[in-house]
Amino acid sequence: MLLRHSPLTANDLRQCLRIATGATLGFTLCKVFNLSYGVFFTVTPMLLLGLVPVMNAHAMRQLLAAAVISGLEVGLIGGFFGGHPGIFFPVVFLLFLYRFAAMSRGSLFLFGANGVISLSIMLNFASYPGVDVNTLIFNNLGATVASVIIAYSMKALIPDVEPRVAMSQEAKAPHRMRHEALLGATVATVSFVVFQVFNLQGSMSAQATTLLLLFPMHWNGALGYARKRAIGTLLGVSFGIMIQMLLYDWSGLLILIIPSLWIGLMLFSQVHVSEASGSGVGFGALTTLGILFGQYLTPNNDFIFSALYRVSSTLFAIVATLLVCLLVHQLLNRFESTQFG
């Protein structure tokens, strides 16, 4: 079951309101000021508010550090090695490796997770002709700063009514941490290389999916999340198409789009909070909807085609990523120093 039968607690309901309102504010900000790369402004608040129930200074530092470091790496490494694939791809692997190592430690999960997604998407965008790398980097940084401000604003305006119980983190053996870091970095690098070689600039949702599948940090978790991500993608795309068909010629009016987006985010936030599993069906639907509205809802873009393309490319990306993940998992388990368990 996607939804639990018991009603949401007061804290759960308030987290849903924070996610939906925060992501909608980010979307509105980028559209009102006609900012580029609207996906950053819509999805980043969603990522922050969805994975961090209550905003705190530790989460803020991780998010800002991830954005600044990713920007520096894209500007410097992309500029120096972008034309030399033999050097560039191994460097990209090392950049992914230390981020997944941070995620495996647990306390720096948000730094690694946001860094992995930002780095992969920005490096992919930066490789295409006509893309202003400086605009790309500063929009990502601006979206991160805006997301932090939005998260703190949501915390102040819609606070929890009861103290939350801190979750204890599982202590991991060194060989498991090496397994998780190498698995994530290898699959993420393979994904990046494929998107570069085949020039898949319009497949951001599929690219994000290949990375989100790695967030459980192991093969069994990726396999379990794959089904949830597929269902979430279908839900997000279906809702986006329904809104487009209902509004029809009025789909360019922000005064109608904003409440429609908020309703969709609120519905999927409830699924996400009910699952209580980090990245699940609800989070998949949230990010899909955020990418569709933030990046592809423009006056001159065929939203329906974009939505259907998101489904097909995402489902293919899930199958391909799982295959690579299984092969790398089995290879790493052959060595005692990198066995999962």
C-alpha atoms as a PDB file:
ATOM      1  CA  MET A   1       0.000   0.000   0.000  1.00  0.00           C
ATOM      2  CA  LEU A   2       1.198   3.483  -0.862  1.00  0.00           C
ATOM      3  CA  LEU A   3      -0.773   5.197   1.864  1.00  0.00           C
ATOM      4  CA  ARG A   4      -1.168   4.146   5.466  1.00  0.00           C
ATOM      5  CA  HIS A   5      -4.658   3.903   6.897  1.00  0.00           C
ATOM      6  CA  SER A   6      -3.893   5.901  10.046  1.00  0.00           C
ATOM      7  CA  PRO A   7      -4.216   9.677   9.739  1.00  0.00           C
ATOM      8  CA  LEU A   8      -1.191  11.930   9.549  1.00  0.00           C
ATOM      9  CA  THR A   9       0.114  13.269  12.823  1.00  0.00           C
ATOM     10  CA  ALA A  10       0.223  17.018  13.371  1.00  0.00           C
ATOM     11  CA  ASN A  11       3.967  17.003  12.634  1.00  0.00           C
ATOM     12  CA  ASP A  12       3.447  14.960   9.452  1.00  0.00           C
ATOM     13  CA  LEU A  13       0.815  17.352   8.160  1.00  0.00           C
ATOM     14  CA  ARG A  14       3.044  20.328   8.827  1.00  0.00           C
ATOM     15  CA  GLN A  15       5.946  18.713   6.990  1.00  0.00           C
ATOM     16  CA  CYS A  16       3.658  18.149   3.992  1.00  0.00           C
ATOM     17  CA  LEU A  17       2.689  21.820   4.087  1.00  0.00           C
ATOM     18  CA  ARG A  18       6.352  22.848   4.276  1.00  0.00           C
ATOM     19  CA  ILE A  19       7.330  20.692   1.280  1.00  0.00           C
ATOM     20  CA  ALA A  20       4.424  21.785  -0.936  1.00  0.00           C
ATOM     21  CA  THR A  21       4.592  25.472  -0.029  1.00  0.00           C
ATOM     22  CA  GLY A  22       8.397  25.666  -0.137  1.00  0.00           C
ATOM     23  CA  ALA A  23       8.725  24.018  -3.555  1.00  0.00           C
ATOM     24  CA  THR A  24       5.886  26.168  -4.916  1.00  0.00           C
ATOM     25  CA  LEU A  25       7.631  29.310  -3.635  1.00  0.00           C
ATOM     26  CA  GLY A  26      10.842  28.271  -5.404  1.00  0.00           C
ATOM     27  CA  PHE A  27       8.925  27.632  -8.643  1.00  0.00           C
ATOM     28  CA  THR A  28       7.138  30.986  -8.374  1.00  0.00           C
ATOM     29  CA  LEU A  29      10.406  32.814  -7.732  1.00  0.00           C
ATOM     30  CA  CYS A  30      12.089  31.467 -10.863  1.00  0.00           C
ATOM     31  CA  LYS A  31       9.050  32.132 -13.074  1.00  0.00           C
ATOM     32  CA  VAL A  32       8.318  35.645 -11.801  1.00  0.00           C
ATOM     33  CA  PHE A  33      11.944  36.735 -12.243  1.00  0.00           C
ATOM     34  CA  ASN A  34      12.364  34.693 -15.446  1.00  0.00           C
ATOM     35  CA  LEU A  35      15.369  32.830 -14.071  1.00  0.00           C
ATOM     36  CA  SER A  36      17.092  30.077 -16.037  1.00  0.00           C
ATOM     37  CA  TYR A  37      17.195  26.441 -14.900  1.00  0.00           C
ATOM     38  CA  GLY A  38      13.920  26.499 -13.027  1.00  0.00           C
ATOM     39  CA  VAL A  39      14.439  22.878 -12.022  1.00  0.00           C
ATOM     40  CA  PHE A  40      17.050  23.988  -9.467  1.00  0.00           C
ATOM     41  CA  PHE A  41      14.620  26.421  -7.837  1.00  0.00           C
ATOM     42  CA  THR A  42      11.793  23.861  -7.688  1.00  0.00           C
ATOM     43  CA  VAL A  43      13.570  20.606  -6.859  1.00  0.00           C
ATOM     44  CA  THR A  44      16.233  21.877  -4.417  1.00  0.00           C
ATOM     45  CA  PRO A  45      13.692  23.120  -1.794  1.00  0.00           C
ATOM     46  CA  MET A  46      11.848  19.832  -2.315  1.00  0.00           C
ATOM     47  CA  LEU A  47      15.038  17.849  -1.689  1.00  0.00           C
ATOM     48  CA  LEU A  48      15.866  19.849   1.424  1.00  0.00           C
ATOM     49  CA  LEU A  49      12.390  19.910   2.979  1.00  0.00           C
ATOM     50  CA  GLY A  50      11.667  16.299   1.999  1.00  0.00           C
ATOM     51  CA  LEU A  51      14.847  14.733   3.369  1.00  0.00           C
ATOM     52  CA  VAL A  52      15.274  17.030   6.385  1.00  0.00           C
ATOM     53  CA  PRO A  53      12.050  17.079   8.446  1.00  0.00           C
ATOM     54  CA  VAL A  54      13.091  20.240  10.312  1.00  0.00           C
ATOM     55  CA  MET A  55      15.680  22.665   8.958  1.00  0.00           C
ATOM     56  CA  ASN A  56      18.849  23.037  11.034  1.00  0.00           C
ATOM     57  CA  ALA A  57      22.302  24.596  10.770  1.00  0.00           C
ATOM     58  CA  HIS A  58      24.023  21.287   9.965  1.00  0.00           C
ATOM     59  CA  ALA A  59      21.754  20.724   6.956  1.00  0.00           C
ATOM     60  CA  MET A  60      22.267  24.331   5.822  1.00  0.00           C
ATOM     61  CA  ARG A  61      26.059  23.990   5.914  1.00  0.00           C
ATOM     62  CA  GLN A  62      25.947  20.737   3.967  1.00  0.00           C
ATOM     63  CA  LEU A  63      23.692  22.155   1.257  1.00  0.00           C
ATOM     64  CA  LEU A  64      25.674  25.378   0.813  1.00  0.00           C
ATOM     65  CA  ALA A  65      29.004  23.520   0.812  1.00  0.00           C
ATOM     66  CA  ALA A  66      27.723  21.094  -1.822  1.00  0.00           C
ATOM     67  CA  ALA A  67      26.594  23.943  -4.099  1.00  0.00           C
ATOM     68  CA  VAL A  68      29.809  25.970  -3.748  1.00  0.00           C
ATOM     69  CA  ILE A  69      32.134  22.991  -4.235  1.00  0.00           C
ATOM     70  CA  SER A  70      30.115  21.667  -7.192  1.00  0.00           C
ATOM     71  CA  GLY A  71      30.239  25.086  -8.829  1.00  0.00           C
ATOM     72  CA  LEU A  72      34.007  25.340  -8.404  1.00  0.00           C
ATOM     73  CA  GLU A  73      34.520  21.829  -9.746  1.00  0.00           C
ATOM     74  CA  VAL A  74      32.333  22.397 -12.797  1.00  0.00           C
ATOM     75  CA  GLY A  75      34.039  25.703 -13.577  1.00  0.00           C
ATOM     76  CA  LEU A  76      37.620  24.552 -13.038  1.00  0.00           C
ATOM     77  CA  ILE A  77      37.672  20.865 -13.906  1.00  0.00           C
ATOM     78  CA  GLY A  78      35.203  21.185 -16.760  1.00  0.00           C
ATOM     79  CA  GLY A  79      37.282  24.011 -18.205  1.00  0.00           C
ATOM     80  CA  PHE A  80      40.636  22.275 -17.864  1.00  0.00           C
ATOM     81  CA  PHE A  81      39.713  18.698 -18.788  1.00  0.00           C
ATOM     82  CA  GLY A  82      36.414  18.988 -20.675  1.00  0.00           C
ATOM     83  CA  GLY A  83      38.107  18.385 -24.031  1.00  0.00           C
ATOM     84  CA  HIS A  84      40.149  15.399 -22.792  1.00  0.00           C
ATOM     85  CA  PRO A  85      37.805  12.454 -22.064  1.00  0.00           C
ATOM     86  CA  GLY A  86      40.706  10.203 -21.036  1.00  0.00           C
ATOM     87  CA  ILE A  87      41.417  12.494 -18.092  1.00  0.00           C
ATOM     88  CA  PHE A  88      37.971  14.011 -17.594  1.00  0.00           C
ATOM     89  CA  PHE A  89      35.994  10.816 -16.888  1.00  0.00           C
ATOM     90  CA  PRO A  90      38.434   9.424 -14.258  1.00  0.00           C
ATOM     91  CA  VAL A  91      38.362  12.819 -12.530  1.00  0.00           C
ATOM     92  CA  VAL A  92      34.546  12.741 -12.557  1.00  0.00           C
ATOM     93  CA  PHE A  93      34.695   9.271 -10.971  1.00  0.00           C
ATOM     94  CA  LEU A  94      36.874  10.615  -8.134  1.00  0.00           C
ATOM     95  CA  LEU A  95      34.471  13.529  -7.595  1.00  0.00           C
ATOM     96  CA  PHE A  96      31.562  11.109  -7.292  1.00  0.00           C
ATOM     97  CA  LEU A  97      33.610   8.776  -5.081  1.00  0.00           C
ATOM     98  CA  TYR A  98      34.213  11.208  -2.240  1.00  0.00           C
ATOM     99  CA  ARG A  99      30.587  12.305  -2.341  1.00  0.00           C
ATOM    100  CA  PHE A 100      29.271   8.755  -2.023  1.00  0.00           C
ATOM    101  CA  ALA A 101      31.828   8.145   0.733  1.00  0.00           C
ATOM    102  CA  ALA A 102      30.306  11.136   2.567  1.00  0.00           C
ATOM    103  CA  MET A 103      26.815   9.707   2.032  1.00  0.00           C
ATOM    104  CA  SER A 104      27.919   6.328   3.390  1.00  0.00           C
ATOM    105  CA  ARG A 105      29.080   7.955   6.628  1.00  0.00           C
ATOM    106  CA  GLY A 106      25.500   9.115   7.275  1.00  0.00           C
ATOM    107  CA  SER A 107      26.202  12.422   9.006  1.00  0.00           C
ATOM    108  CA  LEU A 108      27.126  14.038   5.663  1.00  0.00           C
ATOM    109  CA  PHE A 109      24.441  12.344   3.574  1.00  0.00           C
ATOM    110  CA  LEU A 110      22.798  15.593   2.449  1.00  0.00           C
ATOM    111  CA  PHE A 111      26.148  17.054   1.344  1.00  0.00           C
ATOM    112  CA  GLY A 112      26.893  14.001  -0.773  1.00  0.00           C
ATOM    113  CA  ALA A 113      23.375  13.579  -2.153  1.00  0.00           C
ATOM    114  CA  ASN A 114      22.924  17.183  -3.227  1.00  0.00           C
ATOM    115  CA  GLY A 115      26.494  17.276  -4.553  1.00  0.00           C
ATOM    116  CA  VAL A 116      26.018  14.150  -6.673  1.00  0.00           C
ATOM    117  CA  ILE A 117      22.872  15.493  -8.343  1.00  0.00           C
ATOM    118  CA  SER A 118      24.190  19.056  -8.802  1.00  0.00           C
ATOM    119  CA  LEU A 119      27.556  17.932 -10.164  1.00  0.00           C
ATOM    120  CA  SER A 120      26.127  15.430 -12.631  1.00  0.00           C
ATOM    121  CA  ILE A 121      23.443  17.753 -14.012  1.00  0.00           C
ATOM    122  CA  MET A 122      25.718  20.806 -14.220  1.00  0.00           C
ATOM    123  CA  LEU A 123      28.589  18.910 -15.870  1.00  0.00           C
ATOM    124  CA  ASN A 124      26.143  17.485 -18.387  1.00  0.00           C
ATOM    125  CA  PHE A 125      24.625  20.885 -19.181  1.00  0.00           C
ATOM    126  CA  ALA A 126      28.012  22.612 -19.281  1.00  0.00           C
ATOM    127  CA  SER A 127      29.255  20.295 -22.040  1.00  0.00           C
ATOM    128  CA  TYR A 128      26.709  21.523 -24.588  1.00  0.00           C
ATOM    129  CA  PRO A 129      27.416  24.418 -26.976  1.00  0.00           C
ATOM    130  CA  GLY A 130      25.617  27.648 -26.208  1.00  0.00           C
ATOM    131  CA  VAL A 131      25.365  27.000 -22.465  1.00  0.00           C
ATOM    132  CA  ASP A 132      26.764  29.798 -20.323  1.00  0.00           C
ATOM    133  CA  VAL A 133      28.610  27.913 -17.587  1.00  0.00           C
ATOM    134  CA  ASN A 134      28.722  30.948 -15.285  1.00  0.00           C
ATOM    135  CA  THR A 135      24.947  31.363 -15.538  1.00  0.00           C
ATOM    136  CA  LEU A 136      24.505  27.669 -14.821  1.00  0.00           C
ATOM    137  CA  ILE A 137      26.744  27.733 -11.739  1.00  0.00           C
ATOM    138  CA  PHE A 138      25.308  30.919 -10.253  1.00  0.00           C
ATOM    139  CA  ASN A 139      21.720  29.789 -10.841  1.00  0.00           C
ATOM    140  CA  ASN A 140      22.447  26.579  -8.956  1.00  0.00           C
ATOM    141  CA  LEU A 141      24.098  28.526  -6.138  1.00  0.00           C
ATOM    142  CA  GLY A 142      21.267  31.058  -6.095  1.00  0.00           C
ATOM    143  CA  ALA A 143      18.682  28.275  -5.980  1.00  0.00           C
ATOM    144  CA  THR A 144      20.531  26.710  -3.037  1.00  0.00           C
ATOM    145  CA  VAL A 145      20.619  29.961  -1.082  1.00  0.00           C
ATOM    146  CA  ALA A 146      16.948  30.570  -1.887  1.00  0.00           C
ATOM    147  CA  SER A 147      16.109  27.022  -0.765  1.00  0.00           C
ATOM    148  CA  VAL A 148      17.829  27.537   2.582  1.00  0.00           C
ATOM    149  CA  ILE A 149      15.918  30.799   3.115  1.00  0.00           C
ATOM    150  CA  ILE A 150      12.667  29.102   2.101  1.00  0.00           C
ATOM    151  CA  ALA A 151      13.337  26.160   4.441  1.00  0.00           C
ATOM    152  CA  TYR A 152      13.977  28.421   7.428  1.00  0.00           C
ATOM    153  CA  SER A 153      10.897  30.478   6.513  1.00  0.00           C
ATOM    154  CA  MET A 154       8.767  27.334   6.402  1.00  0.00           C
ATOM    155  CA  LYS A 155      10.175  26.247   9.762  1.00  0.00           C
ATOM    156  CA  ALA A 156       9.186  29.613  11.277  1.00  0.00           C
ATOM    157  CA  LEU A 157       5.754  29.846   9.627  1.00  0.00           C
ATOM    158  CA  ILE A 158       4.764  26.163   9.905  1.00  0.00           C
ATOM    159  CA  PRO A 159       6.649  24.778  12.922  1.00  0.00           C
ATOM    160  CA  ASP A 160       6.263  21.298  14.377  1.00  0.00           C
ATOM    161  CA  VAL A 161       3.896  21.035  17.323  1.00  0.00           C
ATOM    162  CA  GLU A 162       5.800  18.202  19.029  1.00  0.00           C
ATOM    163  CA  PRO A 163       9.543  17.523  19.444  1.00  0.00           C
ATOM    164  CA  ARG A 164      10.884  14.941  16.997  1.00  0.00           C
ATOM    165  CA  VAL A 165      12.777  11.890  18.173  1.00  0.00           C
ATOM    166  CA  ALA A 166      16.305  11.793  16.747  1.00  0.00           C
ATOM    167  CA  MET A 167      16.986   8.633  14.736  1.00  0.00           C
ATOM    168  CA  SER A 168      20.134   6.716  15.611  1.00  0.00           C
ATOM    169  CA  GLN A 169      22.475   5.866  12.737  1.00  0.00           C
ATOM    170  CA  GLU A 170      23.706   2.363  12.071  1.00  0.00           C
ATOM    171  CA  ALA A 171      27.448   1.875  12.505  1.00  0.00           C
ATOM    172  CA  LYS A 172      28.862   0.463   9.284  1.00  0.00           C
ATOM    173  CA  ALA A 173      31.875  -1.768   8.828  1.00  0.00           C
ATOM    174  CA  PRO A 174      34.713  -0.298   6.702  1.00  0.00           C
ATOM    175  CA  HIS A 175      34.298  -2.913   3.955  1.00  0.00           C
ATOM    176  CA  ARG A 176      30.618  -2.006   3.619  1.00  0.00           C
ATOM    177  CA  MET A 177      31.407   1.718   3.384  1.00  0.00           C
ATOM    178  CA  ARG A 178      33.975   1.012   0.660  1.00  0.00           C
ATOM    179  CA  HIS A 179      31.393  -1.106  -1.157  1.00  0.00           C
ATOM    180  CA  GLU A 180      28.768   1.645  -1.020  1.00  0.00           C
ATOM    181  CA  ALA A 181      31.152   4.396  -2.129  1.00  0.00           C
ATOM    182  CA  LEU A 182      32.600   2.402  -5.041  1.00  0.00           C
ATOM    183  CA  LEU A 183      29.193   1.135  -6.150  1.00  0.00           C
ATOM    184  CA  GLY A 184      27.686   4.628  -6.185  1.00  0.00           C
ATOM    185  CA  ALA A 185      30.668   6.304  -7.861  1.00  0.00           C
ATOM    186  CA  THR A 186      30.989   3.627 -10.556  1.00  0.00           C
ATOM    187  CA  VAL A 187      27.310   3.583 -11.525  1.00  0.00           C
ATOM    188  CA  ALA A 188      27.059   7.391 -11.406  1.00  0.00           C
ATOM    189  CA  THR A 189      30.113   7.716 -13.670  1.00  0.00           C
ATOM    190  CA  VAL A 190      28.750   5.155 -16.146  1.00  0.00           C
ATOM    191  CA  SER A 191      25.467   7.095 -16.203  1.00  0.00           C
ATOM    192  CA  PHE A 192      27.297  10.374 -16.812  1.00  0.00           C
ATOM    193  CA  VAL A 193      29.386   8.889 -19.634  1.00  0.00           C
ATOM    194  CA  VAL A 194      26.286   7.468 -21.353  1.00  0.00           C
ATOM    195  CA  PHE A 195      24.457  10.801 -21.202  1.00  0.00           C
ATOM    196  CA  GLN A 196      27.540  12.518 -22.626  1.00  0.00           C
ATOM    197  CA  VAL A 197      28.201  10.027 -25.424  1.00  0.00           C
ATOM    198  CA  PHE A 198      24.589   9.882 -26.613  1.00  0.00           C
ATOM    199  CA  ASN A 199      23.991  13.634 -26.201  1.00  0.00           C
ATOM    200  CA  LEU A 200      20.901  13.168 -24.005  1.00  0.00           C
ATOM    201  CA  GLN A 201      20.427  16.805 -23.039  1.00  0.00           C
ATOM    202  CA  GLY A 202      16.641  16.574 -22.717  1.00  0.00           C
ATOM    203  CA  SER A 203      16.583  13.579 -20.362  1.00  0.00           C
ATOM    204  CA  MET A 204      17.121  15.306 -17.027  1.00  0.00           C
ATOM    205  CA  SER A 205      14.476  13.232 -15.271  1.00  0.00           C
ATOM    206  CA  ALA A 206      16.121  10.005 -16.428  1.00  0.00           C
ATOM    207  CA  GLN A 207      19.542  11.317 -15.417  1.00  0.00           C
ATOM    208  CA  ALA A 208      18.266  12.234 -11.946  1.00  0.00           C
ATOM    209  CA  THR A 209      16.644   8.805 -11.663  1.00  0.00           C
ATOM    210  CA  THR A 210      19.929   6.982 -12.250  1.00  0.00           C
ATOM    211  CA  LEU A 211      21.353   8.907  -9.282  1.00  0.00           C
ATOM    212  CA  LEU A 212      18.345   8.662  -6.969  1.00  0.00           C
ATOM    213  CA  LEU A 213      18.367   4.885  -7.406  1.00  0.00           C
ATOM    214  CA  LEU A 214      21.769   4.905  -5.712  1.00  0.00           C
ATOM    215  CA  PHE A 215      20.618   6.745  -2.595  1.00  0.00           C
ATOM    216  CA  PRO A 216      19.837   3.510  -0.682  1.00  0.00           C
ATOM    217  CA  MET A 217      23.600   2.834  -1.103  1.00  0.00           C
ATOM    218  CA  HIS A 218      23.281  -0.903  -1.905  1.00  0.00           C
ATOM    219  CA  TRP A 219      21.870  -3.300  -4.497  1.00  0.00           C
ATOM    220  CA  ASN A 220      18.846  -4.523  -2.536  1.00  0.00           C
ATOM    221  CA  GLY A 221      17.874  -0.948  -1.729  1.00  0.00           C
ATOM    222  CA  ALA A 222      18.250   0.128  -5.366  1.00  0.00           C
ATOM    223  CA  LEU A 223      16.109  -2.795  -6.507  1.00  0.00           C
ATOM    224  CA  GLY A 224      13.389  -1.925  -4.008  1.00  0.00           C
ATOM    225  CA  TYR A 225      13.493   1.757  -4.896  1.00  0.00           C
ATOM    226  CA  ALA A 226      13.337   1.084  -8.660  1.00  0.00           C
ATOM    227  CA  ARG A 227       9.718  -0.039  -8.466  1.00  0.00           C
ATOM    228  CA  LYS A 228       8.815   2.916  -6.260  1.00  0.00           C
ATOM    229  CA  ARG A 229      10.561   5.370  -8.582  1.00  0.00           C
ATOM    230  CA  ALA A 230       8.736   3.966 -11.617  1.00  0.00           C
ATOM    231  CA  ILE A 231       5.361   4.304  -9.882  1.00  0.00           C
ATOM    232  CA  GLY A 232       6.270   7.785  -8.652  1.00  0.00           C
ATOM    233  CA  THR A 233       7.279   8.884 -12.152  1.00  0.00           C
ATOM    234  CA  LEU A 234       3.993   7.648 -13.594  1.00  0.00           C
ATOM    235  CA  LEU A 235       2.040   9.467 -10.868  1.00  0.00           C
ATOM    236  CA  GLY A 236       3.949  12.719 -11.360  1.00  0.00           C
ATOM    237  CA  VAL A 237       3.636  12.648 -15.139  1.00  0.00           C
ATOM    238  CA  SER A 238      -0.056  11.706 -14.993  1.00  0.00           C
ATOM    239  CA  PHE A 239      -0.818  14.614 -12.689  1.00  0.00           C
ATOM    240  CA  GLY A 240       1.174  17.016 -14.896  1.00  0.00           C
ATOM    241  CA  ILE A 241      -0.679  15.912 -18.039  1.00  0.00           C
ATOM    242  CA  MET A 242      -4.034  16.147 -16.261  1.00  0.00           C
ATOM    243  CA  ILE A 243      -3.318  19.742 -15.205  1.00  0.00           C
ATOM    244  CA  GLN A 244      -2.169  20.619 -18.723  1.00  0.00           C
ATOM    245  CA  MET A 245      -5.356  19.188 -20.242  1.00  0.00           C
ATOM    246  CA  LEU A 246      -7.600  20.892 -17.688  1.00  0.00           C
ATOM    247  CA  LEU A 247      -6.031  24.313 -18.171  1.00  0.00           C
ATOM    248  CA  TYR A 248      -5.463  23.880 -21.926  1.00  0.00           C
ATOM    249  CA  ASP A 249      -4.959  27.388 -23.414  1.00  0.00           C
ATOM    250  CA  TRP A 250      -4.640  28.851 -19.913  1.00  0.00           C
ATOM    251  CA  SER A 251      -1.643  26.680 -19.019  1.00  0.00           C
ATOM    252  CA  GLY A 252       0.668  29.686 -19.320  1.00  0.00           C
ATOM    253  CA  LEU A 253      -1.119  31.655 -16.598  1.00  0.00           C
ATOM    254  CA  LEU A 254       0.883  31.547 -13.380  1.00  0.00           C
ATOM    255  CA  ILE A 255      -2.178  32.453 -11.329  1.00  0.00           C
ATOM    256  CA  LEU A 256      -3.640  29.063 -12.327  1.00  0.00           C
ATOM    257  CA  ILE A 257      -0.428  27.036 -12.522  1.00  0.00           C
ATOM    258  CA  ILE A 258       0.770  27.921  -9.008  1.00  0.00           C
ATOM    259  CA  PRO A 259      -2.252  26.541  -7.076  1.00  0.00           C
ATOM    260  CA  SER A 260      -2.350  23.504  -9.397  1.00  0.00           C
ATOM    261  CA  LEU A 261       1.292  22.743  -8.658  1.00  0.00           C
ATOM    262  CA  TRP A 262       0.732  23.230  -4.913  1.00  0.00           C
ATOM    263  CA  ILE A 263      -2.156  20.745  -4.907  1.00  0.00           C
ATOM    264  CA  GLY A 264      -0.036  18.128  -6.692  1.00  0.00           C
ATOM    265  CA  LEU A 265       2.910  18.672  -4.359  1.00  0.00           C
ATOM    266  CA  MET A 266       0.650  18.454  -1.320  1.00  0.00           C
ATOM    267  CA  LEU A 267      -0.824  15.138  -2.487  1.00  0.00           C
ATOM    268  CA  PHE A 268       2.579  13.597  -3.208  1.00  0.00           C
ATOM    269  CA  SER A 269       4.074  15.029  -0.013  1.00  0.00           C
ATOM    270  CA  GLN A 270       1.468  13.087   1.926  1.00  0.00           C
ATOM    271  CA  VAL A 271       2.583   9.891   0.178  1.00  0.00           C
ATOM    272  CA  HIS A 272       6.232  10.720   0.856  1.00  0.00           C
ATOM    273  CA  VAL A 273       5.705  11.433   4.555  1.00  0.00           C
ATOM    274  CA  SER A 274       3.485   8.374   4.972  1.00  0.00           C
ATOM    275  CA  GLU A 275       6.162   6.098   3.522  1.00  0.00           C
ATOM    276  CA  ALA A 276       8.800   7.403   5.972  1.00  0.00           C
ATOM    277  CA  SER A 277      11.479   5.793   3.810  1.00  0.00           C
ATOM    278  CA  GLY A 278      13.470   8.716   2.423  1.00  0.00           C
ATOM    279  CA  SER A 279      13.267   8.193  -1.346  1.00  0.00           C
ATOM    280  CA  GLY A 280      10.092   6.328  -2.282  1.00  0.00           C
ATOM    281  CA  VAL A 281       6.983   6.623  -4.427  1.00  0.00           C
ATOM    282  CA  GLY A 282       6.063  10.017  -3.039  1.00  0.00           C
ATOM    283  CA  PHE A 283       9.535  11.481  -3.449  1.00  0.00           C
ATOM    284  CA  GLY A 284       9.734  10.108  -7.000  1.00  0.00           C
ATOM    285  CA  ALA A 285       6.418  11.761  -7.856  1.00  0.00           C
ATOM    286  CA  LEU A 286       7.513  15.021  -6.207  1.00  0.00           C
ATOM    287  CA  THR A 287      10.786  15.271  -8.128  1.00  0.00           C
ATOM    288  CA  THR A 288       9.132  14.272 -11.418  1.00  0.00           C
ATOM    289  CA  LEU A 289       6.501  16.972 -10.995  1.00  0.00           C
ATOM    290  CA  GLY A 290       9.184  19.487  -9.981  1.00  0.00           C
ATOM    291  CA  ILE A 291      11.277  18.748 -13.080  1.00  0.00           C
ATOM    292  CA  LEU A 292       8.269  18.926 -15.410  1.00  0.00           C
ATOM    293  CA  PHE A 293       6.965  22.234 -14.077  1.00  0.00           C
ATOM    294  CA  GLY A 294      10.326  23.800 -13.282  1.00  0.00           C
ATOM    295  CA  GLN A 295      12.199  22.962 -16.478  1.00  0.00           C
ATOM    296  CA  TYR A 296       9.693  22.133 -19.211  1.00  0.00           C
ATOM    297  CA  LEU A 297       6.642  24.303 -18.538  1.00  0.00           C
ATOM    298  CA  THR A 298       7.450  27.125 -20.965  1.00  0.00           C
ATOM    299  CA  PRO A 299       5.291  28.928 -23.557  1.00  0.00           C
ATOM    300  CA  ASN A 300       7.099  27.388 -26.542  1.00  0.00           C
ATOM    301  CA  ASN A 301       7.494  23.855 -25.219  1.00  0.00           C
ATOM    302  CA  ASP A 302       5.257  20.836 -25.842  1.00  0.00           C
ATOM    303  CA  PHE A 303       4.521  19.858 -22.255  1.00  0.00           C
ATOM    304  CA  ILE A 304       2.637  16.680 -23.214  1.00  0.00           C
ATOM    305  CA  PHE A 305       5.519  15.390 -25.342  1.00  0.00           C
ATOM    306  CA  SER A 306       7.974  16.286 -22.567  1.00  0.00           C
ATOM    307  CA  ALA A 307       5.872  14.395 -20.023  1.00  0.00           C
ATOM    308  CA  LEU A 308       5.560  11.251 -22.138  1.00  0.00           C
ATOM    309  CA  TYR A 309       9.258  11.391 -22.988  1.00  0.00           C
ATOM    310  CA  ARG A 310      10.024  11.594 -19.261  1.00  0.00           C
ATOM    311  CA  VAL A 311       8.146   8.325 -18.673  1.00  0.00           C
ATOM    312  CA  SER A 312       9.827   6.321 -21.438  1.00  0.00           C
ATOM    313  CA  SER A 313      13.336   7.627 -20.748  1.00  0.00           C
ATOM    314  CA  THR A 314      12.973   7.167 -16.987  1.00  0.00           C
ATOM    315  CA  LEU A 315      11.734   3.584 -17.250  1.00  0.00           C
ATOM    316  CA  PHE A 316      14.616   2.724 -19.591  1.00  0.00           C
ATOM    317  CA  ALA A 317      17.081   4.448 -17.235  1.00  0.00           C
ATOM    318  CA  ILE A 318      15.762   2.381 -14.302  1.00  0.00           C
ATOM    319  CA  VAL A 319      16.312  -0.936 -16.096  1.00  0.00           C
ATOM    320  CA  ALA A 320      19.762   0.047 -17.398  1.00  0.00           C
ATOM    321  CA  THR A 321      20.894   1.401 -14.013  1.00  0.00           C
ATOM    322  CA  LEU A 322      19.752  -1.735 -12.191  1.00  0.00           C
ATOM    323  CA  LEU A 323      21.696  -3.911 -14.621  1.00  0.00           C
ATOM    324  CA  VAL A 324      24.906  -1.928 -14.126  1.00  0.00           C
ATOM    325  CA  CYS A 325      24.311  -1.775 -10.369  1.00  0.00           C
ATOM    326  CA  LEU A 326      23.937  -5.574 -10.161  1.00  0.00           C
ATOM    327  CA  LEU A 327      27.136  -6.186 -12.141  1.00  0.00           C
ATOM    328  CA  VAL A 328      29.160  -3.759  -9.995  1.00  0.00           C
ATOM    329  CA  HIS A 329      27.621  -5.173  -6.789  1.00  0.00           C
ATOM    330  CA  GLN A 330      28.630  -8.718  -7.733  1.00  0.00           C
ATOM    331  CA  LEU A 331      32.119  -7.617  -8.751  1.00  0.00           C
ATOM    332  CA  LEU A 332      32.737  -5.765  -5.471  1.00  0.00           C
ATOM    333  CA  ASN A 333      31.478  -8.720  -3.437  1.00  0.00           C
ATOM    334  CA  ARG A 334      34.227 -10.873  -4.913  1.00  0.00           C
ATOM    335  CA  PHE A 335      36.786  -9.056  -2.790  1.00  0.00           C
ATOM    336  CA  GLU A 336      36.807  -9.239   0.975  1.00  0.00           C
ATOM    337  CA  SER A 337      37.826  -5.594   1.386  1.00  0.00           C
ATOM    338  CA  THR A 338      34.779  -4.367  -0.583  1.00  0.00           C
ATOM    339  CA  GLN A 339      32.095  -6.898   0.377  1.00  0.00           C
ATOM    340  CA  PHE A 340      28.739  -5.423   1.310  1.00  0.00           C
ATOM    341  CA  GLY A 341      28.027  -7.693   4.247  1.00  0.00           C
END
